[in-house]
Amino acid sequence: MKLRSVLLSCTFMLLGLAAFAQYNFPKFEVAVDYSYARFSPSHNYIKNSYSLNGGGGSFEYNFGYLGVKAEFEGYSSSTQNFSAPAGTSFCPNGCTANVQGNLFTYLFGPQVGLRTGKFRPFGELLFGGAHSNVYGNISKIPGITTGSQAPSLNAFAMTVGGGLDIMLNSGSIALRAGEFDYLYTRFNTSSISATGQSAQSSFRYQAGLVFNF
């Protein structure tokens, strides 16, 4: 129900932006960015969320106010403490270790926004996949027993949000002042989790430069 509400809200936001769009627009946009993610692993024995820093870029082809976007982001590894008490189904004798994990996302979908003027707000709804080795690294901790099902390294991913670009004096370069997104991933962690949680809801912020052609 929560995910459905987010999607409906995004749809109305995109339609609202479309109503104010103009038609003198750049055909191509290429962005390079810094990206911050407050990742929520949804695992019983890792703290609820932690910070990931990274970056990436995107390419967009515009039809007017509506564009088709491809985005690729990577985040540096982060070390977290994993500690499960004795008696858990996947770690009968108890397990404690420091675990590193990274995150990569590759997403595609529509972006709408104003393409003219100095200030250019936009919204997006992207779907694709994510890759992370954090759950695989947990499964390698001595004492972990995953049975026949290893945790997934790849998962469905989506993001919804928006931001603001500010055109610079050159007219072809914009500053992406800020982009704020809800990031949803669905890594299957049932083999190393007492509750079998498999959905992660995270926050994402981006900033960078956009080149218009």
Protein backbone atom coordinates (compact mmCIF):
# COMPACT_ATOMS: atom_id res chain seq x y z
CA MET A 1 0.00 0.00 0.00
CA LYS A 2 2.85 2.38 0.84
CA LEU A 3 4.56 1.79 -2.52
CA ARG A 4 1.26 2.26 -4.38
CA SER A 5 0.71 5.61 -2.66
CA VAL A 6 4.22 6.75 -3.64
CA LEU A 7 3.62 5.82 -7.29
CA LEU A 8 0.27 7.64 -7.39
CA SER A 9 1.78 10.75 -5.84
CA CYS A 10 4.58 10.67 -8.39
CA THR A 11 2.11 10.39 -11.28
CA PHE A 12 0.23 13.50 -10.16
CA MET A 13 3.49 15.38 -9.67
CA LEU A 14 4.66 14.53 -13.19
CA LEU A 15 1.34 15.57 -14.71
CA GLY A 16 1.45 18.84 -12.81
CA LEU A 17 4.90 19.66 -14.13
CA ALA A 18 3.82 18.74 -17.66
CA ALA A 19 1.00 21.28 -17.56
CA PHE A 20 3.53 24.12 -17.17
CA ALA A 21 6.10 22.87 -19.68
CA GLN A 22 7.35 24.83 -22.67
CA TYR A 23 8.61 23.53 -25.99
CA ASN A 24 11.92 25.28 -26.68
CA PHE A 25 14.11 22.56 -25.22
CA PRO A 26 17.50 20.82 -25.50
CA LYS A 27 17.33 17.46 -27.24
CA PHE A 28 19.99 15.81 -25.10
CA GLU A 29 21.03 16.21 -21.48
CA VAL A 30 24.11 14.58 -19.96
CA ALA A 31 24.59 14.84 -16.19
CA VAL A 32 27.50 13.97 -13.91
CA ASP A 33 26.84 13.95 -10.20
CA TYR A 34 27.79 13.31 -6.63
CA SER A 35 25.30 10.93 -5.03
CA TYR A 36 24.56 10.26 -1.37
CA ALA A 37 22.36 7.39 -0.21
CA ARG A 38 21.10 6.72 3.28
CA PHE A 39 20.74 2.99 2.77
CA SER A 40 18.40 0.92 4.90
CA PRO A 41 19.50 -2.74 4.73
CA SER A 42 16.31 -4.02 6.44
CA HIS A 43 18.25 -6.64 8.32
CA ASN A 44 17.76 -7.58 11.95
CA TYR A 45 21.44 -7.61 12.89
CA ILE A 46 22.80 -4.59 11.02
CA LYS A 47 21.96 -1.11 12.31
CA ASN A 48 18.88 0.31 10.62
CA SER A 49 20.59 2.59 8.12
CA TYR A 50 24.00 3.92 7.14
CA SER A 51 25.51 6.39 4.71
CA LEU A 52 26.92 5.59 1.27
CA ASN A 53 28.80 8.12 -0.87
CA GLY A 54 29.41 7.83 -4.57
CA GLY A 55 28.51 9.24 -7.92
CA GLY A 56 27.64 8.53 -11.50
CA GLY A 57 25.79 10.06 -14.37
CA SER A 58 22.80 9.99 -16.66
CA PHE A 59 21.80 10.51 -20.26
CA GLU A 60 18.43 11.86 -21.33
CA TYR A 61 16.70 12.30 -24.67
CA ASN A 62 13.95 14.93 -24.60
CA PHE A 63 10.72 15.08 -26.60
CA GLY A 64 9.70 18.39 -25.01
CA TYR A 65 8.67 18.50 -21.40
CA LEU A 66 8.95 14.69 -21.41
CA GLY A 67 12.25 12.84 -21.66
CA VAL A 68 13.57 9.29 -21.46
CA LYS A 69 16.40 8.91 -18.97
CA ALA A 70 19.10 6.28 -18.32
CA GLU A 71 20.97 6.61 -15.03
CA PHE A 72 23.93 4.73 -13.52
CA GLU A 73 25.18 5.27 -9.95
CA GLY A 74 27.81 3.59 -7.78
CA TYR A 75 28.51 3.94 -4.06
CA SER A 76 31.68 3.23 -2.13
CA SER A 77 31.88 0.38 0.34
CA SER A 78 31.01 0.91 3.96
CA THR A 79 31.95 -1.27 6.94
CA GLN A 80 29.16 -2.23 9.32
CA ASN A 81 29.07 -4.46 12.37
CA PHE A 82 27.03 -7.63 12.06
CA SER A 83 26.16 -9.47 15.25
CA ALA A 84 23.62 -12.28 15.63
CA PRO A 85 23.07 -14.07 18.95
CA ALA A 86 23.32 -17.82 19.38
CA GLY A 87 20.16 -19.71 18.60
CA THR A 88 19.16 -17.96 15.38
CA SER A 89 18.14 -20.30 12.57
CA PHE A 90 20.94 -19.19 10.22
CA CYS A 91 23.66 -18.83 12.89
CA PRO A 92 23.10 -21.44 15.65
CA ASN A 93 26.30 -20.67 17.56
CA GLY A 94 26.21 -16.90 17.21
CA CYS A 95 28.10 -14.72 14.69
CA THR A 96 29.93 -11.41 14.96
CA ALA A 97 31.96 -9.69 12.23
CA ASN A 98 32.59 -6.43 10.40
CA VAL A 99 31.01 -6.49 6.94
CA GLN A 100 31.67 -4.30 3.92
CA GLY A 101 29.11 -3.67 1.23
CA ASN A 102 28.69 -1.54 -1.88
CA LEU A 103 25.69 -0.57 -3.99
CA PHE A 104 25.21 -0.01 -7.72
CA THR A 105 21.99 1.05 -9.43
CA TYR A 106 21.01 1.16 -13.09
CA LEU A 107 17.65 2.81 -13.73
CA PHE A 108 15.56 3.87 -16.72
CA GLY A 109 12.33 5.76 -17.20
CA PRO A 110 10.55 9.08 -17.80
CA GLN A 111 11.59 12.50 -16.56
CA VAL A 112 9.46 15.61 -16.98
CA GLY A 113 10.22 19.23 -16.26
CA LEU A 114 10.60 22.76 -17.51
CA ARG A 115 13.25 22.96 -20.24
CA THR A 116 13.50 26.76 -20.58
CA GLY A 117 14.32 29.63 -18.26
CA LYS A 118 16.97 29.93 -15.57
CA PHE A 119 15.27 27.64 -13.04
CA ARG A 120 14.27 24.20 -14.27
CA PRO A 121 12.39 21.94 -11.84
CA PHE A 122 11.94 18.31 -12.81
CA GLY A 123 10.47 15.05 -11.58
CA GLU A 124 11.26 11.45 -12.45
CA LEU A 125 10.11 7.88 -12.01
CA LEU A 126 12.80 5.30 -12.85
CA PHE A 127 12.85 1.51 -12.79
CA GLY A 128 15.68 -0.99 -13.14
CA GLY A 129 18.03 -2.99 -10.99
CA ALA A 130 20.51 -2.80 -8.14
CA HIS A 131 23.57 -4.82 -7.21
CA SER A 132 25.10 -5.09 -3.73
CA ASN A 133 27.57 -7.50 -2.20
CA VAL A 134 26.67 -6.72 1.43
CA TYR A 135 24.30 -9.67 1.84
CA GLY A 136 26.65 -12.03 0.05
CA ASN A 137 29.46 -10.94 2.37
CA ILE A 138 27.25 -11.64 5.39
CA SER A 139 26.61 -15.16 4.13
CA LYS A 140 30.39 -15.82 4.15
CA ILE A 141 30.82 -15.04 7.86
CA PRO A 142 32.07 -18.16 9.69
CA GLY A 143 29.14 -19.86 11.36
CA ILE A 144 26.47 -18.61 8.95
CA THR A 145 24.35 -21.38 7.44
CA THR A 146 22.27 -20.26 4.46
CA GLY A 147 21.03 -23.71 3.41
CA SER A 148 20.37 -24.12 -0.30
CA GLN A 149 19.37 -20.49 -0.89
CA ALA A 150 22.12 -17.89 -0.98
CA PRO A 151 21.16 -14.22 -0.58
CA SER A 152 20.63 -12.34 -3.82
CA LEU A 153 23.29 -9.95 -5.09
CA ASN A 154 20.91 -8.41 -7.63
CA ALA A 155 17.48 -6.94 -7.10
CA PHE A 156 14.65 -4.91 -8.56
CA ALA A 157 15.03 -1.18 -7.91
CA MET A 158 13.05 1.99 -8.48
CA THR A 159 13.36 5.63 -7.56
CA VAL A 160 10.90 8.50 -7.54
CA GLY A 161 11.62 12.14 -6.80
CA GLY A 162 12.68 15.41 -8.32
CA GLY A 163 15.00 18.34 -8.15
CA LEU A 164 16.06 21.70 -9.52
CA ASP A 165 18.57 22.67 -12.22
CA ILE A 166 19.87 26.26 -12.41
CA MET A 167 21.22 27.45 -15.75
CA LEU A 168 24.67 29.04 -15.72
CA ASN A 169 25.85 31.94 -17.89
CA SER A 170 27.03 29.70 -20.72
CA GLY A 171 23.47 28.67 -21.52
CA SER A 172 24.49 25.08 -22.17
CA ILE A 173 25.51 24.07 -18.63
CA ALA A 174 23.28 23.87 -15.61
CA LEU A 175 24.00 23.35 -11.94
CA ARG A 176 21.96 20.54 -10.44
CA ALA A 177 21.40 22.26 -7.12
CA GLY A 178 19.68 19.29 -5.57
CA GLU A 179 17.74 16.15 -6.35
CA PHE A 180 15.85 14.31 -3.62
CA ASP A 181 14.60 10.76 -4.21
CA TYR A 182 12.99 7.81 -2.54
CA LEU A 183 15.00 4.70 -3.47
CA TYR A 184 13.34 1.29 -3.23
CA THR A 185 15.23 -2.01 -3.62
CA ARG A 186 14.12 -5.59 -3.12
CA PHE A 187 17.06 -7.78 -2.11
CA ASN A 188 16.01 -11.23 -0.91
CA THR A 189 17.62 -11.70 2.52
CA SER A 190 15.43 -14.53 3.81
CA SER A 191 18.35 -16.95 4.14
CA ILE A 192 20.25 -14.65 6.55
CA SER A 193 17.41 -12.89 8.31
CA ALA A 194 15.19 -14.01 11.15
CA THR A 195 12.13 -12.34 9.60
CA GLY A 196 12.85 -12.85 5.90
CA GLN A 197 12.72 -9.13 5.10
CA SER A 198 13.31 -8.41 1.43
CA ALA A 199 12.40 -4.74 0.82
CA GLN A 200 14.66 -1.77 1.52
CA SER A 201 13.44 1.84 1.59
CA SER A 202 16.24 4.39 1.35
CA PHE A 203 16.79 8.12 0.82
CA ARG A 204 18.95 9.55 -1.97
CA TYR A 205 20.39 13.02 -2.68
CA GLN A 206 22.29 14.11 -5.79
CA ALA A 207 24.04 17.27 -7.01
CA GLY A 208 26.23 17.99 -10.02
CA LEU A 209 26.38 19.48 -13.51
CA VAL A 210 24.06 19.05 -16.48
CA PHE A 211 25.24 19.59 -20.06
CA ASN A 212 22.55 20.54 -22.61
CA PHE A 213 22.84 19.85 -26.34
